[in-house]
Amino acid sequence: HLHKPVLIGEVRADGQFDVVWQTQQPIR
C-alpha cells in the first residue's frame, strides 16, 4: 500500500473542492 495524505474537502459551486482539513504527512 502507498503511504498517503488524507484530505477532506467541501463542495464548491464549480464542482471543485476547498480543502478544509488534511494530514501534515502521508499516513501508513
PDB file of all heavy atoms in Angstrom:
ATOM      1  N   HIS A   1       0.841  -1.202   0.000  1.00  0.00           N
ATOM      2  CA  HIS A   1       0.000   0.000   0.000  1.00  0.00           C
ATOM      3  C   HIS A   1       0.873   1.247   0.000  1.00  0.00           C
ATOM      4  O   HIS A   1       1.952   1.262   0.608  1.00  0.00           O
ATOM      5  CB  HIS A   1      -0.905   0.042   1.235  1.00  0.00           C
ATOM      6  CG  HIS A   1      -2.040  -0.928   1.203  1.00  0.00           C
ATOM      7  ND1 HIS A   1      -1.862  -2.296   1.246  1.00  0.00           N
ATOM      8  CD2 HIS A   1      -3.386  -0.725   1.145  1.00  0.00           C
ATOM      9  CE1 HIS A   1      -3.053  -2.899   1.217  1.00  0.00           C
ATOM     10  NE2 HIS A   1      -3.989  -1.962   1.148  1.00  0.00           N
ATOM     11  N   LEU A   2       0.356   2.301  -0.632  1.00  0.00           N
ATOM     12  CA  LEU A   2       1.040   3.585  -0.583  1.00  0.00           C
ATOM     13  C   LEU A   2       0.839   4.263   0.767  1.00  0.00           C
ATOM     14  O   LEU A   2      -0.243   4.182   1.360  1.00  0.00           O
ATOM     15  CB  LEU A   2       0.496   4.518  -1.669  1.00  0.00           C
ATOM     16  CG  LEU A   2       0.926   4.283  -3.117  1.00  0.00           C
ATOM     17  CD1 LEU A   2       0.256   5.308  -4.014  1.00  0.00           C
ATOM     18  CD2 LEU A   2       2.440   4.363  -3.257  1.00  0.00           C
ATOM     19  N   HIS A   3       1.858   4.958   1.236  1.00  0.00           N
ATOM     20  CA  HIS A   3       1.700   5.908   2.327  1.00  0.00           C
ATOM     21  C   HIS A   3       1.079   7.163   1.706  1.00  0.00           C
ATOM     22  O   HIS A   3       1.644   7.736   0.768  1.00  0.00           O
ATOM     23  CB  HIS A   3       3.050   6.250   2.956  1.00  0.00           C
ATOM     24  CG  HIS A   3       3.714   5.074   3.626  1.00  0.00           C
ATOM     25  ND1 HIS A   3       4.513   5.221   4.731  1.00  0.00           N
ATOM     26  CD2 HIS A   3       3.692   3.744   3.369  1.00  0.00           C
ATOM     27  CE1 HIS A   3       4.968   4.031   5.116  1.00  0.00           C
ATOM     28  NE2 HIS A   3       4.476   3.125   4.286  1.00  0.00           N
ATOM     29  N   LYS A   4      -0.094   7.595   2.220  1.00  0.00           N
ATOM     30  CA  LYS A   4      -0.838   8.663   1.550  1.00  0.00           C
ATOM     31  C   LYS A   4      -1.295   9.730   2.542  1.00  0.00           C
ATOM     32  O   LYS A   4      -1.639   9.412   3.686  1.00  0.00           O
ATOM     33  CB  LYS A   4      -2.080   8.102   0.841  1.00  0.00           C
ATOM     34  CG  LYS A   4      -1.784   6.955  -0.121  1.00  0.00           C
ATOM     35  CD  LYS A   4      -2.918   6.712  -1.091  1.00  0.00           C
ATOM     36  CE  LYS A   4      -2.873   7.697  -2.228  1.00  0.00           C
ATOM     37  NZ  LYS A   4      -3.846   7.382  -3.291  1.00  0.00           N
ATOM     38  N   PRO A   5      -1.382  11.000   2.103  1.00  0.00           N
ATOM     39  CA  PRO A   5      -2.012  12.016   2.939  1.00  0.00           C
ATOM     40  C   PRO A   5      -3.527  11.844   2.920  1.00  0.00           C
ATOM     41  O   PRO A   5      -4.065  11.175   2.031  1.00  0.00           O
ATOM     42  CB  PRO A   5      -1.612  13.325   2.252  1.00  0.00           C
ATOM     43  CG  PRO A   5      -1.525  12.942   0.801  1.00  0.00           C
ATOM     44  CD  PRO A   5      -0.985  11.532   0.790  1.00  0.00           C
ATOM     45  N   VAL A   6      -4.214  12.423   3.887  1.00  0.00           N
ATOM     46  CA  VAL A   6      -5.683  12.412   3.906  1.00  0.00           C
ATOM     47  C   VAL A   6      -6.161  13.849   3.775  1.00  0.00           C
ATOM     48  O   VAL A   6      -5.699  14.731   4.504  1.00  0.00           O
ATOM     49  CB  VAL A   6      -6.236  11.804   5.210  1.00  0.00           C
ATOM     50  CG1 VAL A   6      -7.762  11.691   5.131  1.00  0.00           C
ATOM     51  CG2 VAL A   6      -5.609  10.441   5.486  1.00  0.00           C
ATOM     52  N   LEU A   7      -7.070  14.092   2.824  1.00  0.00           N
ATOM     53  CA  LEU A   7      -7.622  15.419   2.599  1.00  0.00           C
ATOM     54  C   LEU A   7      -9.144  15.353   2.685  1.00  0.00           C
ATOM     55  O   LEU A   7      -9.763  14.427   2.147  1.00  0.00           O
ATOM     56  CB  LEU A   7      -7.226  15.963   1.226  1.00  0.00           C
ATOM     57  CG  LEU A   7      -5.791  16.436   0.995  1.00  0.00           C
ATOM     58  CD1 LEU A   7      -4.812  15.273   0.963  1.00  0.00           C
ATOM     59  CD2 LEU A   7      -5.697  17.222  -0.316  1.00  0.00           C
ATOM     60  N   ILE A   8      -9.738  16.323   3.354  1.00  0.00           N
ATOM     61  CA  ILE A   8     -11.197  16.458   3.379  1.00  0.00           C
ATOM     62  C   ILE A   8     -11.541  17.786   2.720  1.00  0.00           C
ATOM     63  O   ILE A   8     -10.960  18.825   3.051  1.00  0.00           O
ATOM     64  CB  ILE A   8     -11.741  16.391   4.817  1.00  0.00           C
ATOM     65  CG1 ILE A   8     -11.444  15.014   5.413  1.00  0.00           C
ATOM     66  CG2 ILE A   8     -13.253  16.669   4.831  1.00  0.00           C
ATOM     67  CD1 ILE A   8     -11.804  14.880   6.876  1.00  0.00           C
ATOM     68  N   GLY A   9     -12.459  17.728   1.758  1.00  0.00           N
ATOM     69  CA  GLY A   9     -12.810  18.931   1.003  1.00  0.00           C
ATOM     70  C   GLY A   9     -14.294  19.206   1.026  1.00  0.00           C
ATOM     71  O   GLY A   9     -15.117  18.293   1.134  1.00  0.00           O
ATOM     72  N   GLU A  10     -14.635  20.491   0.925  1.00  0.00           N
ATOM     73  CA  GLU A  10     -16.024  20.940   0.808  1.00  0.00           C
ATOM     74  C   GLU A  10     -16.349  21.210  -0.652  1.00  0.00           C
ATOM     75  O   GLU A  10     -15.531  21.788  -1.385  1.00  0.00           O
ATOM     76  CB  GLU A  10     -16.228  22.244   1.583  1.00  0.00           C
ATOM     77  CG  GLU A  10     -16.374  22.082   3.079  1.00  0.00           C
ATOM     78  CD  GLU A  10     -16.719  23.398   3.760  1.00  0.00           C
ATOM     79  OE1 GLU A  10     -16.696  24.463   3.098  1.00  0.00           O
ATOM     80  OE2 GLU A  10     -17.009  23.356   4.964  1.00  0.00           O
ATOM     81  N   VAL A  11     -17.556  20.795  -1.060  1.00  0.00           N
ATOM     82  CA  VAL A  11     -18.007  21.047  -2.430  1.00  0.00           C
ATOM     83  C   VAL A  11     -18.162  22.546  -2.663  1.00  0.00           C
ATOM     84  O   VAL A  11     -18.767  23.257  -1.862  1.00  0.00           O
ATOM     85  CB  VAL A  11     -19.347  20.339  -2.709  1.00  0.00           C
ATOM     86  CG1 VAL A  11     -19.830  20.633  -4.131  1.00  0.00           C
ATOM     87  CG2 VAL A  11     -19.224  18.831  -2.503  1.00  0.00           C
ATOM     88  N   ARG A  12     -17.598  23.004  -3.792  1.00  0.00           N
ATOM     89  CA  ARG A  12     -17.768  24.388  -4.222  1.00  0.00           C
ATOM     90  C   ARG A  12     -18.821  24.449  -5.326  1.00  0.00           C
ATOM     91  O   ARG A  12     -19.209  23.426  -5.899  1.00  0.00           O
ATOM     92  CB  ARG A  12     -16.452  24.948  -4.775  1.00  0.00           C
ATOM     93  CG  ARG A  12     -15.310  24.919  -3.812  1.00  0.00           C
ATOM     94  CD  ARG A  12     -14.101  25.730  -4.261  1.00  0.00           C
ATOM     95  NE  ARG A  12     -13.723  25.624  -5.666  1.00  0.00           N
ATOM     96  CZ  ARG A  12     -12.465  25.686  -6.106  1.00  0.00           C
ATOM     97  NH1 ARG A  12     -11.468  25.820  -5.226  1.00  0.00           N
ATOM     98  NH2 ARG A  12     -12.195  25.605  -7.396  1.00  0.00           N
ATOM     99  N   ALA A  13     -19.260  25.648  -5.659  1.00  0.00           N
ATOM    100  CA  ALA A  13     -20.297  25.818  -6.680  1.00  0.00           C
ATOM    101  C   ALA A  13     -19.836  25.337  -8.048  1.00  0.00           C
ATOM    102  O   ALA A  13     -20.649  24.933  -8.885  1.00  0.00           O
ATOM    103  CB  ALA A  13     -20.724  27.281  -6.753  1.00  0.00           C
ATOM    104  N   ASP A  14     -18.508  25.360  -8.293  1.00  0.00           N
ATOM    105  CA  ASP A  14     -17.996  24.939  -9.599  1.00  0.00           C
ATOM    106  C   ASP A  14     -17.684  23.448  -9.670  1.00  0.00           C
ATOM    107  O   ASP A  14     -17.099  22.968 -10.644  1.00  0.00           O
ATOM    108  CB  ASP A  14     -16.746  25.748  -9.962  1.00  0.00           C
ATOM    109  CG  ASP A  14     -15.591  25.540  -8.985  1.00  0.00           C
ATOM    110  OD1 ASP A  14     -15.773  24.804  -7.987  1.00  0.00           O
ATOM    111  OD2 ASP A  14     -14.510  26.117  -9.224  1.00  0.00           O
ATOM    112  N   GLY A  15     -18.070  22.683  -8.624  1.00  0.00           N
ATOM    113  CA  GLY A  15     -17.844  21.243  -8.634  1.00  0.00           C
ATOM    114  C   GLY A  15     -16.456  20.842  -8.182  1.00  0.00           C
ATOM    115  O   GLY A  15     -16.113  19.659  -8.204  1.00  0.00           O
ATOM    116  N   GLN A  16     -15.667  21.811  -7.766  1.00  0.00           N
ATOM    117  CA  GLN A  16     -14.361  21.537  -7.184  1.00  0.00           C
ATOM    118  C   GLN A  16     -14.493  21.499  -5.654  1.00  0.00           C
ATOM    119  O   GLN A  16     -15.597  21.633  -5.111  1.00  0.00           O
ATOM    120  CB  GLN A  16     -13.353  22.603  -7.615  1.00  0.00           C
ATOM    121  CG  GLN A  16     -13.021  22.567  -9.103  1.00  0.00           C
ATOM    122  CD  GLN A  16     -12.235  21.335  -9.483  1.00  0.00           C
ATOM    123  OE1 GLN A  16     -11.308  20.930  -8.801  1.00  0.00           O
ATOM    124  NE2 GLN A  16     -12.603  20.708 -10.589  1.00  0.00           N
ATOM    125  N   PHE A  17     -13.373  21.291  -4.961  1.00  0.00           N
ATOM    126  CA  PHE A  17     -13.389  21.163  -3.509  1.00  0.00           C
ATOM    127  C   PHE A  17     -12.392  22.117  -2.861  1.00  0.00           C
ATOM    128  O   PHE A  17     -11.262  22.263  -3.347  1.00  0.00           O
ATOM    129  CB  PHE A  17     -13.008  19.726  -3.099  1.00  0.00           C
ATOM    130  CG  PHE A  17     -14.018  18.686  -3.494  1.00  0.00           C
ATOM    131  CD1 PHE A  17     -13.981  18.101  -4.753  1.00  0.00           C
ATOM    132  CD2 PHE A  17     -15.017  18.285  -2.613  1.00  0.00           C
ATOM    133  CE1 PHE A  17     -14.900  17.138  -5.131  1.00  0.00           C
ATOM    134  CE2 PHE A  17     -15.944  17.322  -2.978  1.00  0.00           C
ATOM    135  CZ  PHE A  17     -15.889  16.750  -4.236  1.00  0.00           C
ATOM    136  N   ASP A  18     -12.836  22.759  -1.790  1.00  0.00           N
ATOM    137  CA  ASP A  18     -11.923  23.508  -0.927  1.00  0.00           C
ATOM    138  C   ASP A  18     -11.469  22.581   0.190  1.00  0.00           C
ATOM    139  O   ASP A  18     -12.308  22.009   0.904  1.00  0.00           O
ATOM    140  CB  ASP A  18     -12.617  24.737  -0.320  1.00  0.00           C
ATOM    141  CG  ASP A  18     -12.735  25.878  -1.312  1.00  0.00           C
ATOM    142  OD1 ASP A  18     -11.829  26.023  -2.164  1.00  0.00           O
ATOM    143  OD2 ASP A  18     -13.726  26.629  -1.236  1.00  0.00           O
ATOM    144  N   VAL A  19     -10.163  22.426   0.351  1.00  0.00           N
ATOM    145  CA  VAL A  19      -9.636  21.563   1.407  1.00  0.00           C
ATOM    146  C   VAL A  19      -9.841  22.247   2.756  1.00  0.00           C
ATOM    147  O   VAL A  19      -9.368  23.358   2.983  1.00  0.00           O
ATOM    148  CB  VAL A  19      -8.139  21.260   1.177  1.00  0.00           C
ATOM    149  CG1 VAL A  19      -7.587  20.419   2.329  1.00  0.00           C
ATOM    150  CG2 VAL A  19      -7.946  20.533  -0.150  1.00  0.00           C
ATOM    151  N   VAL A  20     -10.586  21.562   3.656  1.00  0.00           N
ATOM    152  CA  VAL A  20     -10.867  22.126   4.980  1.00  0.00           C
ATOM    153  C   VAL A  20     -10.036  21.463   6.079  1.00  0.00           C
ATOM    154  O   VAL A  20      -9.933  21.981   7.186  1.00  0.00           O
ATOM    155  CB  VAL A  20     -12.371  22.012   5.329  1.00  0.00           C
ATOM    156  CG1 VAL A  20     -13.207  22.847   4.368  1.00  0.00           C
ATOM    157  CG2 VAL A  20     -12.850  20.555   5.310  1.00  0.00           C
ATOM    158  N   TRP A  21      -9.454  20.305   5.744  1.00  0.00           N
ATOM    159  CA  TRP A  21      -8.610  19.593   6.725  1.00  0.00           C
ATOM    160  C   TRP A  21      -7.714  18.635   5.973  1.00  0.00           C
ATOM    161  O   TRP A  21      -8.120  18.043   4.968  1.00  0.00           O
ATOM    162  CB  TRP A  21      -9.501  18.815   7.703  1.00  0.00           C
ATOM    163  CG  TRP A  21      -8.738  18.073   8.768  1.00  0.00           C
ATOM    164  CD1 TRP A  21      -8.379  18.551   9.994  1.00  0.00           C
ATOM    165  CD2 TRP A  21      -8.249  16.726   8.700  1.00  0.00           C
ATOM    166  NE1 TRP A  21      -7.692  17.592  10.692  1.00  0.00           N
ATOM    167  CE2 TRP A  21      -7.590  16.460   9.928  1.00  0.00           C
ATOM    168  CE3 TRP A  21      -8.286  15.729   7.732  1.00  0.00           C
ATOM    169  CZ2 TRP A  21      -6.989  15.230  10.207  1.00  0.00           C
ATOM    170  CZ3 TRP A  21      -7.680  14.511   7.995  1.00  0.00           C
ATOM    171  CH2 TRP A  21      -7.046  14.270   9.227  1.00  0.00           C
ATOM    172  N   GLN A  22      -6.481  18.490   6.456  1.00  0.00           N
ATOM    173  CA  GLN A  22      -5.598  17.489   5.867  1.00  0.00           C
ATOM    174  C   GLN A  22      -4.527  17.093   6.872  1.00  0.00           C
ATOM    175  O   GLN A  22      -4.239  17.824   7.821  1.00  0.00           O
ATOM    176  CB  GLN A  22      -4.944  18.009   4.586  1.00  0.00           C
ATOM    177  CG  GLN A  22      -3.921  19.102   4.775  1.00  0.00           C
ATOM    178  CD  GLN A  22      -3.277  19.501   3.457  1.00  0.00           C
ATOM    179  OE1 GLN A  22      -3.969  19.927   2.526  1.00  0.00           O
ATOM    180  NE2 GLN A  22      -1.970  19.364   3.359  1.00  0.00           N
ATOM    181  N   THR A  23      -3.959  15.910   6.651  1.00  0.00           N
ATOM    182  CA  THR A  23      -2.828  15.485   7.472  1.00  0.00           C
ATOM    183  C   THR A  23      -1.577  16.231   6.997  1.00  0.00           C
ATOM    184  O   THR A  23      -1.491  16.670   5.852  1.00  0.00           O
ATOM    185  CB  THR A  23      -2.588  13.968   7.345  1.00  0.00           C
ATOM    186  OG1 THR A  23      -2.398  13.635   5.961  1.00  0.00           O
ATOM    187  CG2 THR A  23      -3.774  13.186   7.896  1.00  0.00           C
ATOM    188  N   GLN A  24      -0.628  16.354   7.887  1.00  0.00           N
ATOM    189  CA  GLN A  24       0.609  17.057   7.544  1.00  0.00           C
ATOM    190  C   GLN A  24       1.573  16.160   6.773  1.00  0.00           C
ATOM    191  O   GLN A  24       2.414  16.642   6.026  1.00  0.00           O
ATOM    192  CB  GLN A  24       1.288  17.580   8.815  1.00  0.00           C
ATOM    193  CG  GLN A  24       0.482  18.654   9.545  1.00  0.00           C
ATOM    194  CD  GLN A  24       0.117  19.821   8.637  1.00  0.00           C
ATOM    195  OE1 GLN A  24       0.985  20.457   8.045  1.00  0.00           O
ATOM    196  NE2 GLN A  24      -1.182  20.094   8.516  1.00  0.00           N
ATOM    197  N   GLN A  25       1.451  14.843   6.976  1.00  0.00           N
ATOM    198  CA  GLN A  25       2.350  13.884   6.352  1.00  0.00           C
ATOM    199  C   GLN A  25       1.545  12.709   5.791  1.00  0.00           C
ATOM    200  O   GLN A  25       0.421  12.473   6.221  1.00  0.00           O
ATOM    201  CB  GLN A  25       3.371  13.351   7.382  1.00  0.00           C
ATOM    202  CG  GLN A  25       4.267  14.413   8.004  1.00  0.00           C
ATOM    203  CD  GLN A  25       5.215  15.060   7.012  1.00  0.00           C
ATOM    204  OE1 GLN A  25       5.599  14.442   6.010  1.00  0.00           O
ATOM    205  NE2 GLN A  25       5.593  16.304   7.261  1.00  0.00           N
ATOM    206  N   PRO A  26       2.116  11.967   4.851  1.00  0.00           N
ATOM    207  CA  PRO A  26       1.451  10.729   4.412  1.00  0.00           C
ATOM    208  C   PRO A  26       1.301   9.740   5.570  1.00  0.00           C
ATOM    209  O   PRO A  26       2.147   9.677   6.460  1.00  0.00           O
ATOM    210  CB  PRO A  26       2.404  10.177   3.342  1.00  0.00           C
ATOM    211  CG  PRO A  26       3.179  11.360   2.868  1.00  0.00           C
ATOM    212  CD  PRO A  26       3.341  12.244   4.076  1.00  0.00           C
ATOM    213  N   ILE A  27       0.203   8.994   5.548  1.00  0.00           N
ATOM    214  CA  ILE A  27      -0.142   8.031   6.595  1.00  0.00           C
ATOM    215  C   ILE A  27       0.092   6.616   6.069  1.00  0.00           C
ATOM    216  O   ILE A  27      -0.287   6.293   4.939  1.00  0.00           O
ATOM    217  CB  ILE A  27      -1.630   8.185   7.005  1.00  0.00           C
ATOM    218  CG1 ILE A  27      -1.932   9.623   7.437  1.00  0.00           C
ATOM    219  CG2 ILE A  27      -2.006   7.189   8.095  1.00  0.00           C
ATOM    220  CD1 ILE A  27      -1.140  10.106   8.632  1.00  0.00           C
ATOM    221  N   ARG A  28       0.694   5.755   6.893  1.00  0.00           N
ATOM    222  CA  ARG A  28       0.874   4.351   6.508  1.00  0.00           C
ATOM    223  C   ARG A  28      -0.475   3.630   6.564  1.00  0.00           C
ATOM    224  O   ARG A  28      -1.248   3.792   7.512  1.00  0.00           O
ATOM    225  CB  ARG A  28       1.869   3.661   7.444  1.00  0.00           C
ATOM    226  CG  ARG A  28       2.158   2.209   7.043  1.00  0.00           C
ATOM    227  CD  ARG A  28       3.212   1.560   7.949  1.00  0.00           C
ATOM    228  NE  ARG A  28       3.631   0.253   7.417  1.00  0.00           N
ATOM    229  CZ  ARG A  28       3.202  -0.915   7.883  1.00  0.00           C
ATOM    230  NH1 ARG A  28       2.383  -0.968   8.917  1.00  0.00           N
ATOM    231  NH2 ARG A  28       3.616  -2.048   7.332  1.00  0.00           N
TER     232      ARG A  28
END
